[in-house]
Amino acid sequence: MKLNRIKALIYRDFLILTRAKWRIVETIYFPVTTILIWGFFALYSETIAVQAGLIVLIVNIFWNFAYIAQSTANMQIMEDIWAGSLKQLFLSGITEFDYIIARLVTATIMSLIVMALILGISFFFTPSIFLKPGELAILTLVTLIGSMALSVIIASINVSTGREYGFFAWTVLQLFILLSAPFNPVELFPKFLQYISYVMPFTFIFEGARNLVLIGQIGNDIFLKSMISVTVYFIIGWPIYYLAFKRARRTGILAKLS
């Protein structure tokens, strides 16, 4: 793994991102409009259910942040596969770890820019959620780690399954969000779904976000559980990614992807 190769890949990513107008629209337009929609709902709900509106807004903030952080990395990979440039990148001496780390750095930069934008917009609707900047920073960090972990795992799936299953790059997160009980306590799920929900990387993040509205803090136990959860995902993602690339090379899938 060499820093200059990673930097070159990051530079290439941003060249592609700035020239692909649809990517700019997708990365900024949907998160911003989503926050505006729920921001106005939060304003309206002040007359009927203040906390409900705030919960919907803050969960959507971290939902959008997670989506941008995860999908930016995986969509860059899929674009290399669709364009047929993956083979050329690896023939240039870039390793699989140079490749994924560059994607994660690009995704981190883009998602933090979008996060700053949607937080700025949210301030005009509900400034009260910014009374705990440290708690927001903690949730942002944990969400970023969880999203990066999921990016690595989804990249492994893409490498293993090929072009036909490229839609995993932008669909898998939705299932993880559903099973993470974003707007409701896990206990409302059927028993079998509760067991699944407790091992999702975002479950305790969303619980912490709801707690921030309801009691003004995440809660030490929720923070610890969320950090353990995303760390476990982050750790297991790397050997899965390595084995997926090793298998793809051995079976010829990697050559077909290029």
Protein backbone atom coordinates (compact mmCIF):
# COMPACT_ATOMS: atom_id res chain seq x y z
CA MET A 1 0.00 0.00 0.00
CA LYS A 2 1.53 3.29 -1.13
CA LEU A 3 0.34 6.78 -0.24
CA ASN A 4 1.10 8.31 -3.66
CA ARG A 5 -1.07 5.72 -5.40
CA ILE A 6 -3.93 6.36 -3.00
CA LYS A 7 -3.61 10.12 -3.53
CA ALA A 8 -3.64 9.62 -7.30
CA LEU A 9 -6.81 7.54 -7.06
CA ILE A 10 -8.50 10.16 -4.87
CA TYR A 11 -7.58 12.88 -7.37
CA ARG A 12 -9.01 10.72 -10.17
CA ASP A 13 -12.22 10.20 -8.15
CA PHE A 14 -12.78 13.92 -7.76
CA LEU A 15 -12.13 14.54 -11.45
CA ILE A 16 -14.81 11.98 -12.30
CA LEU A 17 -17.21 13.31 -9.67
CA THR A 18 -16.93 16.91 -10.83
CA ARG A 19 -17.37 15.99 -14.49
CA ALA A 20 -20.31 13.62 -13.96
CA LYS A 21 -23.14 16.11 -13.47
CA TRP A 22 -25.63 13.42 -12.47
CA ARG A 23 -23.39 12.36 -9.59
CA ILE A 24 -23.24 15.93 -8.27
CA VAL A 25 -27.04 16.16 -8.47
CA GLU A 26 -27.53 12.80 -6.76
CA THR A 27 -24.99 13.54 -4.03
CA ILE A 28 -26.36 16.96 -3.09
CA TYR A 29 -29.90 17.27 -4.47
CA PHE A 30 -31.55 14.30 -2.74
CA PRO A 31 -30.08 14.84 0.76
CA VAL A 32 -30.84 18.58 0.66
CA THR A 33 -34.40 18.17 -0.59
CA THR A 34 -35.05 15.39 1.92
CA ILE A 35 -33.95 17.57 4.81
CA LEU A 36 -36.04 20.46 3.50
CA ILE A 37 -39.12 18.21 3.32
CA TRP A 38 -38.71 16.91 6.85
CA GLY A 39 -37.54 20.28 8.12
CA PHE A 40 -40.85 21.85 7.11
CA PHE A 41 -42.63 18.88 8.67
CA ALA A 42 -40.71 19.49 11.89
CA LEU A 43 -41.88 23.11 11.85
CA TYR A 44 -45.47 22.01 11.29
CA SER A 45 -45.28 19.30 13.96
CA GLU A 46 -44.41 21.89 16.61
CA THR A 47 -48.15 22.53 16.80
CA ILE A 48 -49.05 18.87 17.29
CA ALA A 49 -46.05 16.75 18.30
CA VAL A 50 -42.74 18.56 18.68
CA GLN A 51 -40.58 15.55 19.51
CA ALA A 52 -42.00 13.41 16.69
CA GLY A 53 -40.99 15.99 14.09
CA LEU A 54 -37.53 16.39 15.56
CA ILE A 55 -36.99 12.63 15.65
CA VAL A 56 -37.95 12.30 11.99
CA LEU A 57 -35.61 15.15 11.05
CA ILE A 58 -32.54 14.00 12.99
CA VAL A 59 -32.92 10.39 11.86
CA ASN A 60 -33.12 11.57 8.25
CA ILE A 61 -29.96 13.61 8.74
CA PHE A 62 -27.94 10.55 9.74
CA TRP A 63 -29.76 8.32 7.24
CA ASN A 64 -28.73 10.61 4.38
CA PHE A 65 -25.20 10.92 5.74
CA ALA A 66 -24.85 7.13 5.90
CA TYR A 67 -26.19 6.76 2.36
CA ILE A 68 -23.77 9.29 0.86
CA ALA A 69 -20.80 7.86 2.77
CA GLN A 70 -21.56 4.31 1.67
CA SER A 71 -22.88 4.78 -1.86
CA THR A 72 -20.17 7.23 -2.99
CA ALA A 73 -17.47 4.63 -2.40
CA ASN A 74 -19.39 1.76 -3.98
CA MET A 75 -20.67 3.73 -6.94
CA GLN A 76 -17.09 4.75 -7.79
CA ILE A 77 -16.19 1.07 -7.86
CA MET A 78 -19.19 0.19 -10.04
CA GLU A 79 -18.36 3.01 -12.46
CA ASP A 80 -14.86 1.57 -12.89
CA ILE A 81 -16.44 -1.82 -13.56
CA TRP A 82 -19.01 -0.45 -16.03
CA ALA A 83 -16.37 1.65 -17.80
CA GLY A 84 -13.99 -1.29 -18.05
CA SER A 85 -11.17 0.64 -16.36
CA LEU A 86 -10.74 -1.67 -13.38
CA LYS A 87 -8.19 -3.89 -15.12
CA GLN A 88 -6.06 -0.91 -16.18
CA LEU A 89 -5.98 0.40 -12.61
CA PHE A 90 -4.69 -2.87 -11.22
CA LEU A 91 -2.21 -3.33 -14.07
CA SER A 92 -0.71 0.03 -13.06
CA GLY A 93 0.42 -1.50 -9.77
CA ILE A 94 -2.43 -0.40 -7.53
CA THR A 95 -3.34 -3.02 -4.94
CA GLU A 96 -6.85 -3.93 -3.84
CA PHE A 97 -6.21 -2.10 -0.56
CA ASP A 98 -4.91 1.06 -2.28
CA TYR A 99 -8.06 0.94 -4.35
CA ILE A 100 -10.62 0.63 -1.55
CA ILE A 101 -8.87 3.06 0.81
CA ALA A 102 -8.88 5.75 -1.89
CA ARG A 103 -12.61 5.17 -2.38
CA LEU A 104 -13.24 5.44 1.36
CA VAL A 105 -11.28 8.70 1.62
CA THR A 106 -13.21 10.19 -1.32
CA ALA A 107 -16.51 9.07 0.20
CA THR A 108 -15.55 10.51 3.59
CA ILE A 109 -14.72 13.92 2.13
CA MET A 110 -17.91 14.06 0.05
CA SER A 111 -20.18 12.85 2.85
CA LEU A 112 -18.75 15.30 5.39
CA ILE A 113 -19.30 18.17 2.93
CA VAL A 114 -22.92 17.08 2.43
CA MET A 115 -23.34 16.56 6.19
CA ALA A 116 -22.19 20.11 6.88
CA LEU A 117 -24.64 21.37 4.26
CA ILE A 118 -27.69 19.51 5.58
CA LEU A 119 -26.84 20.37 9.20
CA GLY A 120 -26.65 24.02 8.20
CA ILE A 121 -30.08 23.77 6.58
CA SER A 122 -31.49 21.90 9.58
CA PHE A 123 -30.36 24.66 11.93
CA PHE A 124 -32.92 27.03 10.42
CA PHE A 125 -35.71 24.56 11.16
CA THR A 126 -34.77 23.22 14.58
CA PRO A 127 -31.78 24.97 16.17
CA SER A 128 -32.45 23.08 19.41
CA ILE A 129 -30.77 19.92 18.07
CA PHE A 130 -27.48 21.84 17.96
CA LEU A 131 -27.47 22.44 21.71
CA LYS A 132 -25.37 19.27 22.01
CA PRO A 133 -22.63 19.65 19.35
CA GLY A 134 -20.46 17.02 21.02
CA GLU A 135 -23.26 14.44 20.84
CA LEU A 136 -23.86 15.25 17.16
CA ALA A 137 -20.13 14.85 16.46
CA ILE A 138 -20.12 11.44 18.17
CA LEU A 139 -23.10 10.23 16.15
CA THR A 140 -21.47 11.53 12.96
CA LEU A 141 -18.23 9.67 13.69
CA VAL A 142 -19.95 6.39 14.54
CA THR A 143 -22.21 6.64 11.48
CA LEU A 144 -19.18 7.27 9.27
CA ILE A 145 -17.35 4.21 10.62
CA GLY A 146 -20.44 2.05 10.12
CA SER A 147 -20.93 3.35 6.58
CA MET A 148 -17.29 2.75 5.68
CA ALA A 149 -17.52 -0.79 7.03
CA LEU A 150 -20.61 -1.44 4.95
CA SER A 151 -18.85 0.02 1.88
CA VAL A 152 -16.03 -2.50 2.23
CA ILE A 153 -18.48 -5.40 2.64
CA ILE A 154 -20.59 -4.29 -0.34
CA ALA A 155 -17.42 -3.90 -2.43
CA SER A 156 -16.63 -7.52 -1.57
CA ILE A 157 -20.09 -8.56 -2.79
CA ASN A 158 -19.67 -6.57 -6.03
CA VAL A 159 -16.29 -8.16 -6.72
CA SER A 160 -17.66 -11.64 -5.99
CA THR A 161 -20.92 -11.40 -7.94
CA GLY A 162 -19.97 -9.26 -10.94
CA ARG A 163 -21.72 -6.61 -13.03
CA GLU A 164 -25.18 -8.15 -12.82
CA TYR A 165 -25.46 -7.37 -9.12
CA GLY A 166 -24.08 -3.85 -9.26
CA PHE A 167 -27.38 -2.58 -7.87
CA PHE A 168 -26.19 -3.74 -4.45
CA ALA A 169 -24.07 -0.58 -4.40
CA TRP A 170 -27.13 1.58 -3.74
CA THR A 171 -29.77 -0.89 -2.45
CA VAL A 172 -28.17 -2.83 0.41
CA LEU A 173 -28.11 0.14 2.78
CA GLN A 174 -31.90 0.50 2.53
CA LEU A 175 -32.35 -3.02 3.91
CA PHE A 176 -29.87 -2.34 6.71
CA ILE A 177 -31.73 0.86 7.58
CA LEU A 178 -35.07 -0.97 7.64
CA LEU A 179 -33.70 -3.61 9.99
CA SER A 180 -32.10 -0.92 12.18
CA ALA A 181 -35.49 0.46 13.33
CA PRO A 182 -34.77 4.11 12.49
CA PHE A 183 -38.00 5.64 13.82
CA ASN A 184 -39.16 3.12 16.40
CA PRO A 185 -37.79 1.09 19.31
CA VAL A 186 -36.54 -2.36 18.31
CA GLU A 187 -39.12 -3.88 20.66
CA LEU A 188 -41.89 -3.02 18.18
CA PHE A 189 -40.45 -5.55 15.72
CA PRO A 190 -41.52 -9.20 15.74
CA LYS A 191 -39.22 -11.26 17.95
CA PHE A 192 -37.21 -12.78 15.10
CA LEU A 193 -36.54 -9.33 13.61
CA GLN A 194 -35.43 -8.00 16.98
CA TYR A 195 -32.52 -10.44 17.02
CA ILE A 196 -31.48 -9.31 13.52
CA SER A 197 -31.89 -5.63 14.41
CA TYR A 198 -29.57 -5.87 17.40
CA VAL A 199 -26.68 -6.90 15.13
CA MET A 200 -27.26 -4.16 12.53
CA PRO A 201 -24.57 -1.43 12.51
CA PHE A 202 -27.04 1.49 12.62
CA THR A 203 -29.56 0.29 15.22
CA PHE A 204 -27.93 1.93 18.22
CA ILE A 205 -26.97 4.98 16.17
CA PHE A 206 -30.64 5.68 15.45
CA GLU A 207 -31.54 4.94 19.04
CA GLY A 208 -28.91 7.47 20.11
CA ALA A 209 -30.34 10.03 17.66
CA ARG A 210 -33.83 9.54 19.09
CA ASN A 211 -32.45 9.82 22.61
CA LEU A 212 -30.82 13.11 21.69
CA VAL A 213 -34.28 14.51 21.00
CA LEU A 214 -36.12 12.78 23.84
CA ILE A 215 -33.67 13.13 26.75
CA GLY A 216 -31.00 15.49 25.39
CA GLN A 217 -28.17 12.95 25.26
CA ILE A 218 -27.18 9.76 23.48
CA GLY A 219 -26.54 7.77 26.64
CA ASN A 220 -23.23 6.13 27.51
CA ASP A 221 -24.59 2.61 27.07
CA ILE A 222 -26.00 3.40 23.62
CA PHE A 223 -22.74 5.06 22.55
CA LEU A 224 -20.75 2.02 23.70
CA LYS A 225 -23.07 -0.42 21.93
CA SER A 226 -23.02 1.58 18.70
CA MET A 227 -19.23 1.89 18.75
CA ILE A 228 -18.80 -1.85 19.38
CA SER A 229 -21.26 -2.67 16.59
CA VAL A 230 -19.63 -0.53 13.89
CA THR A 231 -16.12 -1.54 14.98
CA VAL A 232 -16.98 -5.23 14.62
CA TYR A 233 -18.35 -4.57 11.12
CA PHE A 234 -15.25 -2.56 10.23
CA ILE A 235 -12.90 -5.30 11.43
CA ILE A 236 -14.64 -8.21 9.71
CA GLY A 237 -15.07 -6.25 6.48
CA TRP A 238 -11.37 -6.24 5.59
CA PRO A 239 -10.69 -10.01 5.55
CA ILE A 240 -13.97 -10.50 3.66
CA TYR A 241 -12.78 -7.94 1.09
CA TYR A 242 -9.35 -9.58 0.79
CA LEU A 243 -10.84 -13.06 0.35
CA ALA A 244 -13.35 -11.76 -2.21
CA PHE A 245 -10.53 -10.30 -4.33
CA LYS A 246 -8.45 -13.44 -3.94
CA ARG A 247 -11.36 -15.59 -5.11
CA ALA A 248 -12.17 -13.18 -7.97
CA ARG A 249 -8.59 -13.45 -9.25
CA ARG A 250 -8.53 -17.24 -8.91
CA THR A 251 -11.87 -17.79 -10.67
CA GLY A 252 -11.36 -15.17 -13.36
CA ILE A 253 -14.27 -13.00 -12.17
CA LEU A 254 -11.94 -10.00 -11.77
CA ALA A 255 -10.90 -10.23 -15.43
CA LYS A 256 -14.53 -10.39 -16.51
CA LEU A 257 -15.35 -7.35 -14.41
CA SER A 258 -12.76 -5.38 -16.37
